[in-house]
Structures are given as C-alpha cells and as structure tokens.
Amino acid sequence: MSKGRESGGRMPEAIEETYREMERIIDSLVECYAIPHTRMCMRWTKPPREDYREEVVAWLEDYAKSFHRLPKKALPGRPDLPTFARARLDTEVARILGGRSPAVEASYAALFG
C-alpha cells in the first residue's frame, strides 16, 4: 500500500465518494430490490395497499441490517456512514408508508389494478 493511502491522504475524498454511493444505492433499493421481492411474495392475493407498502419496507429493513458493516467514518459536521445510511433509508420508509413513493404505488397498481 502506498504511504499516501496509509496516512489517510485520500480519506476525505473516499468518504465523500462513499456518501454519494450510499445515496445512489438507497435511492435505487426500492425499485431494484424491495419491489421485486414484494411482488414475488404478494402476487397471490390482493392485499390492502398499506400491507403492500409495509412489505416493501420490510425488505428495505432486511437490507438495512447490513449497515453495521459500513465503516464508521465521517467527514466533519456529517454523520458517520452507518448513521447517514440509516437516515436516508428512514426518509424513504416514511415516503413509502405515507403513500408518497411513486414507484411503490405504481407497482401496486400494475399488479392489482
């Protein structure tokens, strides 16, 4: 390993890149992970819309269990990466449960009419 990397020379840049990657991952989790799994599990009978939303959230919560593996690194004035990821996910969960996630609502409508 180069001396610059050992001494943390790239650390702030790497942390900022990781914040951006976490934003992208969490933004795509609903459509790429939670909705497909929910559709596989709930297509047999028409659940109430609220139950469908809760199942989407349950898949997101399963994914959130991996946040403990994120490094507890942070930039000054920002939360560490696990805390940041949890906060971003909580925002998405609130949107879903409030019926304000266009992807979840469209998925339900496409599956159950």
PDB file of N, CA and C in Angstrom:
ATOM      1  N   MET A   1       0.851  -1.183   0.000  1.00  0.00           N
ATOM      2  CA  MET A   1       0.000   0.000   0.000  1.00  0.00           C
ATOM      3  C   MET A   1       0.893   1.241   0.000  1.00  0.00           C
ATOM      4  N   SER A   2       0.509   2.238  -0.716  1.00  0.00           N
ATOM      5  CA  SER A   2       1.333   3.443  -0.791  1.00  0.00           C
ATOM      6  C   SER A   2       1.265   4.217   0.524  1.00  0.00           C
ATOM      7  N   LYS A   3       2.301   4.973   0.784  1.00  0.00           N
ATOM      8  CA  LYS A   3       2.365   5.748   2.022  1.00  0.00           C
ATOM      9  C   LYS A   3       1.215   6.749   2.114  1.00  0.00           C
ATOM     10  N   GLY A   4       0.832   7.344   0.980  1.00  0.00           N
ATOM     11  CA  GLY A   4      -0.280   8.297   0.989  1.00  0.00           C
ATOM     12  C   GLY A   4      -1.589   7.665   1.446  1.00  0.00           C
ATOM     13  N   ARG A   5      -1.836   6.450   1.028  1.00  0.00           N
ATOM     14  CA  ARG A   5      -3.054   5.766   1.450  1.00  0.00           C
ATOM     15  C   ARG A   5      -2.964   5.344   2.907  1.00  0.00           C
ATOM     16  N   GLU A   6      -1.779   4.944   3.333  1.00  0.00           N
ATOM     17  CA  GLU A   6      -1.612   4.536   4.719  1.00  0.00           C
ATOM     18  C   GLU A   6      -1.860   5.711   5.654  1.00  0.00           C
ATOM     19  N   SER A   7      -1.448   6.879   5.274  1.00  0.00           N
ATOM     20  CA  SER A   7      -1.586   8.030   6.152  1.00  0.00           C
ATOM     21  C   SER A   7      -2.944   8.713   6.005  1.00  0.00           C
ATOM     22  N   GLY A   8      -3.815   8.157   5.169  1.00  0.00           N
ATOM     23  CA  GLY A   8      -5.146   8.737   5.019  1.00  0.00           C
ATOM     24  C   GLY A   8      -5.192   9.876   4.032  1.00  0.00           C
ATOM     25  N   GLY A   9      -4.234   9.973   3.131  1.00  0.00           N
ATOM     26  CA  GLY A   9      -4.169  11.064   2.175  1.00  0.00           C
ATOM     27  C   GLY A   9      -5.403  11.184   1.300  1.00  0.00           C
ATOM     28  N   ARG A  10      -6.081  10.107   1.030  1.00  0.00           N
ATOM     29  CA  ARG A  10      -7.265  10.114   0.178  1.00  0.00           C
ATOM     30  C   ARG A  10      -8.549   9.985   1.003  1.00  0.00           C
ATOM     31  N   MET A  11      -8.422   9.936   2.295  1.00  0.00           N
ATOM     32  CA  MET A  11      -9.548   9.636   3.169  1.00  0.00           C
ATOM     33  C   MET A  11     -10.757  10.560   2.958  1.00  0.00           C
ATOM     34  N   PRO A  12     -10.624  11.879   2.999  1.00  0.00           N
ATOM     35  CA  PRO A  12     -11.832  12.716   2.828  1.00  0.00           C
ATOM     36  C   PRO A  12     -12.529  12.479   1.494  1.00  0.00           C
ATOM     37  N   GLU A  13     -11.747  12.355   0.436  1.00  0.00           N
ATOM     38  CA  GLU A  13     -12.325  12.108  -0.885  1.00  0.00           C
ATOM     39  C   GLU A  13     -13.047  10.755  -0.922  1.00  0.00           C
ATOM     40  N   ALA A  14     -12.429   9.753  -0.341  1.00  0.00           N
ATOM     41  CA  ALA A  14     -13.029   8.414  -0.323  1.00  0.00           C
ATOM     42  C   ALA A  14     -14.319   8.400   0.491  1.00  0.00           C
ATOM     43  N   ILE A  15     -14.330   9.102   1.593  1.00  0.00           N
ATOM     44  CA  ILE A  15     -15.541   9.154   2.418  1.00  0.00           C
ATOM     45  C   ILE A  15     -16.654   9.864   1.653  1.00  0.00           C
ATOM     46  N   GLU A  16     -16.338  10.977   1.006  1.00  0.00           N
ATOM     47  CA  GLU A  16     -17.350  11.709   0.226  1.00  0.00           C
ATOM     48  C   GLU A  16     -17.900  10.834  -0.891  1.00  0.00           C
ATOM     49  N   GLU A  17     -17.041  10.092  -1.562  1.00  0.00           N
ATOM     50  CA  GLU A  17     -17.497   9.168  -2.605  1.00  0.00           C
ATOM     51  C   GLU A  17     -18.446   8.120  -2.014  1.00  0.00           C
ATOM     52  N   THR A  18     -18.147   7.659  -0.825  1.00  0.00           N
ATOM     53  CA  THR A  18     -18.984   6.646  -0.189  1.00  0.00           C
ATOM     54  C   THR A  18     -20.347   7.220   0.193  1.00  0.00           C
ATOM     55  N   TYR A  19     -20.397   8.453   0.677  1.00  0.00           N
ATOM     56  CA  TYR A  19     -21.690   9.096   0.933  1.00  0.00           C
ATOM     57  C   TYR A  19     -22.530   9.119  -0.349  1.00  0.00           C
ATOM     58  N   ARG A  20     -21.911   9.533  -1.451  1.00  0.00           N
ATOM     59  CA  ARG A  20     -22.642   9.603  -2.726  1.00  0.00           C
ATOM     60  C   ARG A  20     -23.104   8.219  -3.185  1.00  0.00           C
ATOM     61  N   GLU A  21     -22.251   7.219  -3.029  1.00  0.00           N
ATOM     62  CA  GLU A  21     -22.640   5.857  -3.399  1.00  0.00           C
ATOM     63  C   GLU A  21     -23.800   5.373  -2.552  1.00  0.00           C
ATOM     64  N   MET A  22     -23.776   5.663  -1.257  1.00  0.00           N
ATOM     65  CA  MET A  22     -24.880   5.246  -0.384  1.00  0.00           C
ATOM     66  C   MET A  22     -26.180   5.928  -0.820  1.00  0.00           C
ATOM     67  N   GLU A  23     -26.117   7.189  -1.189  1.00  0.00           N
ATOM     68  CA  GLU A  23     -27.310   7.878  -1.683  1.00  0.00           C
ATOM     69  C   GLU A  23     -27.869   7.169  -2.904  1.00  0.00           C
ATOM     70  N   ARG A  24     -27.008   6.833  -3.852  1.00  0.00           N
ATOM     71  CA  ARG A  24     -27.451   6.153  -5.075  1.00  0.00           C
ATOM     72  C   ARG A  24     -28.031   4.775  -4.756  1.00  0.00           C
ATOM     73  N   ILE A  25     -27.366   4.034  -3.903  1.00  0.00           N
ATOM     74  CA  ILE A  25     -27.839   2.692  -3.555  1.00  0.00           C
ATOM     75  C   ILE A  25     -29.212   2.766  -2.910  1.00  0.00           C
ATOM     76  N   ILE A  26     -29.356   3.621  -1.935  1.00  0.00           N
ATOM     77  CA  ILE A  26     -30.639   3.710  -1.228  1.00  0.00           C
ATOM     78  C   ILE A  26     -31.724   4.233  -2.153  1.00  0.00           C
ATOM     79  N   ASP A  27     -31.387   5.178  -3.018  1.00  0.00           N
ATOM     80  CA  ASP A  27     -32.378   5.674  -3.982  1.00  0.00           C
ATOM     81  C   ASP A  27     -32.864   4.564  -4.912  1.00  0.00           C
ATOM     82  N   SER A  28     -32.005   3.613  -5.225  1.00  0.00           N
ATOM     83  CA  SER A  28     -32.406   2.554  -6.150  1.00  0.00           C
ATOM     84  C   SER A  28     -32.940   1.294  -5.456  1.00  0.00           C
ATOM     85  N   LEU A  29     -32.786   1.201  -4.157  1.00  0.00           N
ATOM     86  CA  LEU A  29     -33.205  -0.013  -3.444  1.00  0.00           C
ATOM     87  C   LEU A  29     -34.679  -0.352  -3.628  1.00  0.00           C
ATOM     88  N   VAL A  30     -35.526   0.644  -3.606  1.00  0.00           N
ATOM     89  CA  VAL A  30     -36.960   0.387  -3.707  1.00  0.00           C
ATOM     90  C   VAL A  30     -37.276  -0.328  -5.011  1.00  0.00           C
ATOM     91  N   GLU A  31     -36.817   0.213  -6.117  1.00  0.00           N
ATOM     92  CA  GLU A  31     -37.165  -0.358  -7.420  1.00  0.00           C
ATOM     93  C   GLU A  31     -36.354  -1.600  -7.773  1.00  0.00           C
ATOM     94  N   CYS A  32     -35.117  -1.666  -7.347  1.00  0.00           N
ATOM     95  CA  CYS A  32     -34.258  -2.781  -7.757  1.00  0.00           C
ATOM     96  C   CYS A  32     -34.270  -3.951  -6.783  1.00  0.00           C
ATOM     97  N   TYR A  33     -34.719  -3.730  -5.567  1.00  0.00           N
ATOM     98  CA  TYR A  33     -34.636  -4.773  -4.549  1.00  0.00           C
ATOM     99  C   TYR A  33     -35.979  -5.022  -3.864  1.00  0.00           C
ATOM    100  N   ALA A  34     -36.529  -3.994  -3.242  1.00  0.00           N
ATOM    101  CA  ALA A  34     -37.710  -4.197  -2.401  1.00  0.00           C
ATOM    102  C   ALA A  34     -38.976  -4.511  -3.201  1.00  0.00           C
ATOM    103  N   ILE A  35     -39.233  -3.773  -4.265  1.00  0.00           N
ATOM    104  CA  ILE A  35     -40.451  -4.029  -5.053  1.00  0.00           C
ATOM    105  C   ILE A  35     -40.424  -5.407  -5.705  1.00  0.00           C
ATOM    106  N   PRO A  36     -39.346  -5.799  -6.375  1.00  0.00           N
ATOM    107  CA  PRO A  36     -39.365  -7.143  -6.977  1.00  0.00           C
ATOM    108  C   PRO A  36     -39.596  -8.259  -5.956  1.00  0.00           C
ATOM    109  N   HIS A  37     -38.978  -8.153  -4.788  1.00  0.00           N
ATOM    110  CA  HIS A  37     -39.184  -9.174  -3.764  1.00  0.00           C
ATOM    111  C   HIS A  37     -40.610  -9.142  -3.225  1.00  0.00           C
ATOM    112  N   THR A  38     -41.147  -7.952  -3.056  1.00  0.00           N
ATOM    113  CA  THR A  38     -42.525  -7.827  -2.581  1.00  0.00           C
ATOM    114  C   THR A  38     -43.486  -8.423  -3.592  1.00  0.00           C
ATOM    115  N   ARG A  39     -43.282  -8.139  -4.856  1.00  0.00           N
ATOM    116  CA  ARG A  39     -44.162  -8.686  -5.901  1.00  0.00           C
ATOM    117  C   ARG A  39     -44.120 -10.212  -5.900  1.00  0.00           C
ATOM    118  N   MET A  40     -42.942 -10.782  -5.719  1.00  0.00           N
ATOM    119  CA  MET A  40     -42.832 -12.248  -5.694  1.00  0.00           C
ATOM    120  C   MET A  40     -43.625 -12.842  -4.532  1.00  0.00           C
ATOM    121  N   CYS A  41     -43.637 -12.159  -3.426  1.00  0.00           N
ATOM    122  CA  CYS A  41     -44.258 -12.700  -2.212  1.00  0.00           C
ATOM    123  C   CYS A  41     -45.749 -12.386  -2.083  1.00  0.00           C
ATOM    124  N   MET A  42     -46.236 -11.371  -2.766  1.00  0.00           N
ATOM    125  CA  MET A  42     -47.600 -10.913  -2.520  1.00  0.00           C
ATOM    126  C   MET A  42     -48.518 -10.994  -3.729  1.00  0.00           C
ATOM    127  N   ARG A  43     -48.108 -11.611  -4.793  1.00  0.00           N
ATOM    128  CA  ARG A  43     -48.927 -11.596  -6.012  1.00  0.00           C
ATOM    129  C   ARG A  43     -50.101 -12.557  -5.955  1.00  0.00           C
ATOM    130  N   TRP A  44     -50.162 -13.418  -4.984  1.00  0.00           N
ATOM    131  CA  TRP A  44     -51.168 -14.493  -4.959  1.00  0.00           C
ATOM    132  C   TRP A  44     -52.560 -13.985  -4.608  1.00  0.00           C
ATOM    133  N   THR A  45     -52.646 -13.019  -3.736  1.00  0.00           N
ATOM    134  CA  THR A  45     -53.940 -12.424  -3.379  1.00  0.00           C
ATOM    135  C   THR A  45     -53.736 -10.920  -3.283  1.00  0.00           C
ATOM    136  N   LYS A  46     -54.798 -10.181  -3.461  1.00  0.00           N
ATOM    137  CA  LYS A  46     -54.694  -8.718  -3.423  1.00  0.00           C
ATOM    138  C   LYS A  46     -54.703  -8.246  -1.971  1.00  0.00           C
ATOM    139  N   PRO A  47     -53.558  -7.785  -1.489  1.00  0.00           N
ATOM    140  CA  PRO A  47     -53.511  -7.264  -0.125  1.00  0.00           C
ATOM    141  C   PRO A  47     -53.995  -5.815  -0.089  1.00  0.00           C
ATOM    142  N   PRO A  48     -54.347  -5.338   1.082  1.00  0.00           N
ATOM    143  CA  PRO A  48     -54.595  -3.891   1.187  1.00  0.00           C
ATOM    144  C   PRO A  48     -53.314  -3.137   0.810  1.00  0.00           C
ATOM    145  N   ARG A  49     -53.489  -1.972   0.257  1.00  0.00           N
ATOM    146  CA  ARG A  49     -52.343  -1.162  -0.185  1.00  0.00           C
ATOM    147  C   ARG A  49     -51.346  -0.929   0.956  1.00  0.00           C
ATOM    148  N   GLU A  50     -51.857  -0.726   2.170  1.00  0.00           N
ATOM    149  CA  GLU A  50     -50.985  -0.494   3.320  1.00  0.00           C
ATOM    150  C   GLU A  50     -50.108  -1.715   3.603  1.00  0.00           C
ATOM    151  N   ASP A  51     -50.675  -2.913   3.453  1.00  0.00           N
ATOM    152  CA  ASP A  51     -49.887  -4.137   3.663  1.00  0.00           C
ATOM    153  C   ASP A  51     -48.786  -4.264   2.617  1.00  0.00           C
ATOM    154  N   TYR A  52     -49.102  -3.884   1.393  1.00  0.00           N
ATOM    155  CA  TYR A  52     -48.100  -3.926   0.326  1.00  0.00           C
ATOM    156  C   TYR A  52     -46.950  -2.971   0.658  1.00  0.00           C
ATOM    157  N   ARG A  53     -47.295  -1.761   1.081  1.00  0.00           N
ATOM    158  CA  ARG A  53     -46.263  -0.787   1.455  1.00  0.00           C
ATOM    159  C   ARG A  53     -45.401  -1.323   2.598  1.00  0.00           C
ATOM    160  N   GLU A  54     -46.048  -1.934   3.595  1.00  0.00           N
ATOM    161  CA  GLU A  54     -45.315  -2.471   4.737  1.00  0.00           C
ATOM    162  C   GLU A  54     -44.382  -3.605   4.316  1.00  0.00           C
ATOM    163  N   GLU A  55     -44.776  -4.391   3.345  1.00  0.00           N
ATOM    164  CA  GLU A  55     -43.902  -5.463   2.859  1.00  0.00           C
ATOM    165  C   GLU A  55     -42.696  -4.893   2.124  1.00  0.00           C
ATOM    166  N   VAL A  56     -42.902  -3.840   1.348  1.00  0.00           N
ATOM    167  CA  VAL A  56     -41.772  -3.174   0.695  1.00  0.00           C
ATOM    168  C   VAL A  56     -40.795  -2.678   1.760  1.00  0.00           C
ATOM    169  N   VAL A  57     -41.330  -2.058   2.791  1.00  0.00           N
ATOM    170  CA  VAL A  57     -40.485  -1.549   3.878  1.00  0.00           C
ATOM    171  C   VAL A  57     -39.760  -2.692   4.584  1.00  0.00           C
ATOM    172  N   ALA A  58     -40.420  -3.820   4.770  1.00  0.00           N
ATOM    173  CA  ALA A  58     -39.779  -4.964   5.424  1.00  0.00           C
ATOM    174  C   ALA A  58     -38.546  -5.426   4.640  1.00  0.00           C
ATOM    175  N   TRP A  59     -38.646  -5.418   3.308  1.00  0.00           N
ATOM    176  CA  TRP A  59     -37.477  -5.780   2.500  1.00  0.00           C
ATOM    177  C   TRP A  59     -36.366  -4.754   2.659  1.00  0.00           C
ATOM    178  N   LEU A  60     -36.733  -3.481   2.740  1.00  0.00           N
ATOM    179  CA  LEU A  60     -35.721  -2.448   2.960  1.00  0.00           C
ATOM    180  C   LEU A  60     -35.056  -2.631   4.325  1.00  0.00           C
ATOM    181  N   GLU A  61     -35.850  -2.981   5.326  1.00  0.00           N
ATOM    182  CA  GLU A  61     -35.287  -3.198   6.659  1.00  0.00           C
ATOM    183  C   GLU A  61     -34.344  -4.403   6.675  1.00  0.00           C
ATOM    184  N   ASP A  62     -34.673  -5.421   5.889  1.00  0.00           N
ATOM    185  CA  ASP A  62     -33.750  -6.552   5.781  1.00  0.00           C
ATOM    186  C   ASP A  62     -32.416  -6.082   5.228  1.00  0.00           C
ATOM    187  N   TYR A  63     -32.462  -5.252   4.208  1.00  0.00           N
ATOM    188  CA  TYR A  63     -31.228  -4.715   3.639  1.00  0.00           C
ATOM    189  C   TYR A  63     -30.485  -3.867   4.668  1.00  0.00           C
ATOM    190  N   ALA A  64     -31.217  -3.099   5.457  1.00  0.00           N
ATOM    191  CA  ALA A  64     -30.603  -2.194   6.431  1.00  0.00           C
ATOM    192  C   ALA A  64     -29.774  -2.943   7.474  1.00  0.00           C
ATOM    193  N   LYS A  65     -30.031  -4.218   7.649  1.00  0.00           N
ATOM    194  CA  LYS A  65     -29.238  -4.996   8.611  1.00  0.00           C
ATOM    195  C   LYS A  65     -27.759  -5.008   8.216  1.00  0.00           C
ATOM    196  N   SER A  66     -27.475  -4.740   6.959  1.00  0.00           N
ATOM    197  CA  SER A  66     -26.077  -4.725   6.512  1.00  0.00           C
ATOM    198  C   SER A  66     -25.367  -3.420   6.861  1.00  0.00           C
ATOM    199  N   PHE A  67     -26.069  -2.411   7.314  1.00  0.00           N
ATOM    200  CA  PHE A  67     -25.441  -1.124   7.597  1.00  0.00           C
ATOM    201  C   PHE A  67     -24.357  -1.225   8.666  1.00  0.00           C
ATOM    202  N   HIS A  68     -24.448  -2.200   9.550  1.00  0.00           N
ATOM    203  CA  HIS A  68     -23.421  -2.333  10.596  1.00  0.00           C
ATOM    204  C   HIS A  68     -22.047  -2.639   9.993  1.00  0.00           C
ATOM    205  N   ARG A  69     -22.027  -3.101   8.759  1.00  0.00           N
ATOM    206  CA  ARG A  69     -20.765  -3.420   8.097  1.00  0.00           C
ATOM    207  C   ARG A  69     -20.095  -2.188   7.497  1.00  0.00           C
ATOM    208  N   LEU A  70     -20.816  -1.094   7.391  1.00  0.00           N
ATOM    209  CA  LEU A  70     -20.224   0.132   6.842  1.00  0.00           C
ATOM    210  C   LEU A  70     -19.193   0.686   7.820  1.00  0.00           C
ATOM    211  N   PRO A  71     -18.106   1.245   7.305  1.00  0.00           N
ATOM    212  CA  PRO A  71     -17.111   1.829   8.212  1.00  0.00           C
ATOM    213  C   PRO A  71     -17.696   3.036   8.936  1.00  0.00           C
ATOM    214  N   LYS A  72     -17.357   3.178  10.180  1.00  0.00           N
ATOM    215  CA  LYS A  72     -17.847   4.301  10.974  1.00  0.00           C
ATOM    216  C   LYS A  72     -16.969   5.532  10.725  1.00  0.00           C
ATOM    217  N   LYS A  73     -16.871   5.911   9.473  1.00  0.00           N
ATOM    218  CA  LYS A  73     -16.074   7.060   9.082  1.00  0.00           C
ATOM    219  C   LYS A  73     -17.025   8.214   8.764  1.00  0.00           C
ATOM    220  N   ALA A  74     -16.536   9.421   8.980  1.00  0.00           N
ATOM    221  CA  ALA A  74     -17.367  10.601   8.724  1.00  0.00           C
ATOM    222  C   ALA A  74     -16.490  11.783   8.341  1.00  0.00           C
ATOM    223  N   LEU A  75     -17.112  12.710   7.651  1.00  0.00           N
ATOM    224  CA  LEU A  75     -16.479  13.998   7.391  1.00  0.00           C
ATOM    225  C   LEU A  75     -16.910  14.952   8.502  1.00  0.00           C
ATOM    226  N   PRO A  76     -16.129  15.974   8.766  1.00  0.00           N
ATOM    227  CA  PRO A  76     -16.510  16.929   9.808  1.00  0.00           C
ATOM    228  C   PRO A  76     -17.919  17.484   9.574  1.00  0.00           C
ATOM    229  N   GLY A  77     -18.701  17.473  10.612  1.00  0.00           N
ATOM    230  CA  GLY A  77     -20.049  18.024  10.545  1.00  0.00           C
ATOM    231  C   GLY A  77     -21.087  17.105   9.909  1.00  0.00           C
ATOM    232  N   ARG A  78     -20.695  15.875   9.575  1.00  0.00           N
ATOM    233  CA  ARG A  78     -21.623  14.924   8.954  1.00  0.00           C
ATOM    234  C   ARG A  78     -21.695  13.669   9.800  1.00  0.00           C
ATOM    235  N   PRO A  79     -22.807  12.959   9.721  1.00  0.00           N
ATOM    236  CA  PRO A  79     -22.895  11.712  10.478  1.00  0.00           C
ATOM    237  C   PRO A  79     -21.979  10.648   9.889  1.00  0.00           C
ATOM    238  N   ASP A  80     -21.633   9.658  10.705  1.00  0.00           N
ATOM    239  CA  ASP A  80     -20.832   8.567  10.156  1.00  0.00           C
ATOM    240  C   ASP A  80     -21.662   7.808   9.129  1.00  0.00           C
ATOM    241  N   LEU A  81     -20.996   6.990   8.341  1.00  0.00           N
ATOM    242  CA  LEU A  81     -21.662   6.334   7.207  1.00  0.00           C
ATOM    243  C   LEU A  81     -22.846   5.462   7.615  1.00  0.00           C
ATOM    244  N   PRO A  82     -22.759   4.622   8.660  1.00  0.00           N
ATOM    245  CA  PRO A  82     -23.947   3.841   9.038  1.00  0.00           C
ATOM    246  C   PRO A  82     -25.129   4.722   9.453  1.00  0.00           C
ATOM    247  N   THR A  83     -24.846   5.789  10.181  1.00  0.00           N
ATOM    248  CA  THR A  83     -25.908   6.695  10.614  1.00  0.00           C
ATOM    249  C   THR A  83     -26.515   7.420   9.412  1.00  0.00           C
ATOM    250  N   PHE A  84     -25.665   7.846   8.504  1.00  0.00           N
ATOM    251  CA  PHE A  84     -26.117   8.505   7.277  1.00  0.00           C
ATOM    252  C   PHE A  84     -27.025   7.574   6.465  1.00  0.00           C
ATOM    253  N   ALA A  85     -26.593   6.329   6.279  1.00  0.00           N
ATOM    254  CA  ALA A  85     -27.389   5.360   5.517  1.00  0.00           C
ATOM    255  C   ALA A  85     -28.738   5.121   6.181  1.00  0.00           C
ATOM    256  N   ARG A  86     -28.747   4.982   7.497  1.00  0.00           N
ATOM    257  CA  ARG A  86     -29.999   4.744   8.224  1.00  0.00           C
ATOM    258  C   ARG A  86     -30.944   5.926   8.055  1.00  0.00           C
ATOM    259  N   ALA A  87     -30.421   7.142   8.150  1.00  0.00           N
ATOM    260  CA  ALA A  87     -31.250   8.333   7.999  1.00  0.00           C
ATOM    261  C   ALA A  87     -31.843   8.415   6.588  1.00  0.00           C
ATOM    262  N   ARG A  88     -31.035   8.115   5.583  1.00  0.00           N
ATOM    263  CA  ARG A  88     -31.550   8.125   4.196  1.00  0.00           C
ATOM    264  C   ARG A  88     -32.642   7.078   4.022  1.00  0.00           C
ATOM    265  N   LEU A  89     -32.426   5.906   4.584  1.00  0.00           N
ATOM    266  CA  LEU A  89     -33.435   4.851   4.473  1.00  0.00           C
ATOM    267  C   LEU A  89     -34.703   5.242   5.218  1.00  0.00           C
ATOM    268  N   ASP A  90     -34.565   5.850   6.395  1.00  0.00           N
ATOM    269  CA  ASP A  90     -35.737   6.277   7.160  1.00  0.00           C
ATOM    270  C   ASP A  90     -36.581   7.276   6.371  1.00  0.00           C
ATOM    271  N   THR A  91     -35.929   8.156   5.630  1.00  0.00           N
ATOM    272  CA  THR A  91     -36.658   9.112   4.795  1.00  0.00           C
ATOM    273  C   THR A  91     -37.458   8.375   3.725  1.00  0.00           C
ATOM    274  N   GLU A  92     -36.842   7.380   3.110  1.00  0.00           N
ATOM    275  CA  GLU A  92     -37.529   6.601   2.071  1.00  0.00           C
ATOM    276  C   GLU A  92     -38.676   5.789   2.672  1.00  0.00           C
ATOM    277  N   VAL A  93     -38.467   5.215   3.833  1.00  0.00           N
ATOM    278  CA  VAL A  93     -39.518   4.444   4.506  1.00  0.00           C
ATOM    279  C   VAL A  93     -40.726   5.338   4.800  1.00  0.00           C
ATOM    280  N   ALA A  94     -40.479   6.533   5.295  1.00  0.00           N
ATOM    281  CA  ALA A  94     -41.577   7.457   5.588  1.00  0.00           C
ATOM    282  C   ALA A  94     -42.373   7.793   4.328  1.00  0.00           C
ATOM    283  N   ARG A  95     -41.677   7.998   3.222  1.00  0.00           N
ATOM    284  CA  ARG A  95     -42.363   8.272   1.943  1.00  0.00           C
ATOM    285  C   ARG A  95     -43.245   7.090   1.549  1.00  0.00           C
ATOM    286  N   ILE A  96     -42.701   5.888   1.657  1.00  0.00           N
ATOM    287  CA  ILE A  96     -43.450   4.690   1.255  1.00  0.00           C
ATOM    288  C   ILE A  96     -44.685   4.518   2.126  1.00  0.00           C
ATOM    289  N   LEU A  97     -44.498   4.558   3.434  1.00  0.00           N
ATOM    290  CA  LEU A  97     -45.622   4.338   4.342  1.00  0.00           C
ATOM    291  C   LEU A  97     -46.668   5.441   4.226  1.00  0.00           C
ATOM    292  N   GLY A  98     -46.240   6.628   3.811  1.00  0.00           N
ATOM    293  CA  GLY A  98     -47.164   7.742   3.614  1.00  0.00           C
ATOM    294  C   GLY A  98     -47.836   7.744   2.249  1.00  0.00           C
ATOM    295  N   GLY A  99     -47.545   6.731   1.431  1.00  0.00           N
ATOM    296  CA  GLY A  99     -48.143   6.657   0.102  1.00  0.00           C
ATOM    297  C   GLY A  99     -47.562   7.647  -0.878  1.00  0.00           C
ATOM    298  N   ARG A 100     -46.328   8.126  -0.607  1.00  0.00           N
ATOM    299  CA  ARG A 100     -45.709   9.146  -1.449  1.00  0.00           C
ATOM    300  C   ARG A 100     -44.545   8.607  -2.282  1.00  0.00           C
ATOM    301  N   SER A 101     -44.502   7.301  -2.475  1.00  0.00           N
ATOM    302  CA  SER A 101     -43.461   6.718  -3.329  1.00  0.00           C
ATOM    303  C   SER A 101     -44.103   6.328  -4.656  1.00  0.00           C
ATOM    304  N   PRO A 102     -43.857   7.094  -5.696  1.00  0.00           N
ATOM    305  CA  PRO A 102     -44.476   6.772  -6.984  1.00  0.00           C
ATOM    306  C   PRO A 102     -44.174   5.342  -7.448  1.00  0.00           C
ATOM    307  N   ALA A 103     -42.979   4.859  -7.205  1.00  0.00           N
ATOM    308  CA  ALA A 103     -42.621   3.507  -7.660  1.00  0.00           C
ATOM    309  C   ALA A 103     -43.437   2.451  -6.935  1.00  0.00           C
ATOM    310  N   VAL A 104     -43.627   2.593  -5.657  1.00  0.00           N
ATOM    311  CA  VAL A 104     -44.407   1.610  -4.893  1.00  0.00           C
ATOM    312  C   VAL A 104     -45.868   1.669  -5.297  1.00  0.00           C
ATOM    313  N   GLU A 105     -46.404   2.854  -5.425  1.00  0.00           N
ATOM    314  CA  GLU A 105     -47.810   2.991  -5.783  1.00  0.00           C
ATOM    315  C   GLU A 105     -48.066   2.455  -7.201  1.00  0.00           C
ATOM    316  N   ALA A 106     -47.146   2.722  -8.112  1.00  0.00           N
ATOM    317  CA  ALA A 106     -47.298   2.216  -9.477  1.00  0.00           C
ATOM    318  C   ALA A 106     -47.179   0.686  -9.516  1.00  0.00           C
ATOM    319  N   SER A 107     -46.293   0.157  -8.717  1.00  0.00           N
ATOM    320  CA  SER A 107     -46.124  -1.296  -8.663  1.00  0.00           C
ATOM    321  C   SER A 107     -47.400  -1.974  -8.170  1.00  0.00           C
ATOM    322  N   TYR A 108     -47.980  -1.427  -7.132  1.00  0.00           N
ATOM    323  CA  TYR A 108     -49.228  -1.984  -6.597  1.00  0.00           C
ATOM    324  C   TYR A 108     -50.330  -1.922  -7.657  1.00  0.00           C
ATOM    325  N   ALA A 109     -50.446  -0.782  -8.298  1.00  0.00           N
ATOM    326  CA  ALA A 109     -51.487  -0.595  -9.320  1.00  0.00           C
ATOM    327  C   ALA A 109     -51.274  -1.555 -10.493  1.00  0.00           C
ATOM    328  N   ALA A 110     -50.037  -1.756 -10.901  1.00  0.00           N
ATOM    329  CA  ALA A 110     -49.766  -2.654 -12.037  1.00  0.00           C
ATOM    330  C   ALA A 110     -50.062  -4.101 -11.673  1.00  0.00           C
ATOM    331  N   LEU A 111     -49.818  -4.467 -10.444  1.00  0.00           N
ATOM    332  CA  LEU A 111     -50.012  -5.842 -10.027  1.00  0.00           C
ATOM    333  C   LEU A 111     -51.469  -6.163  -9.721  1.00  0.00           C
ATOM    334  N   PHE A 112     -52.170  -5.202  -9.121  1.00  0.00           N
ATOM    335  CA  PHE A 112     -53.521  -5.487  -8.641  1.00  0.00           C
ATOM    336  C   PHE A 112     -54.617  -4.628  -9.272  1.00  0.00           C
ATOM    337  N   GLY A 113     -54.231  -3.697 -10.112  1.00  0.00           N
ATOM    338  CA  GLY A 113     -55.233  -2.885 -10.813  1.00  0.00           C
ATOM    339  C   GLY A 113     -55.870  -1.802 -10.006  1.00  0.00           C
TER     340      GLY A 113
END
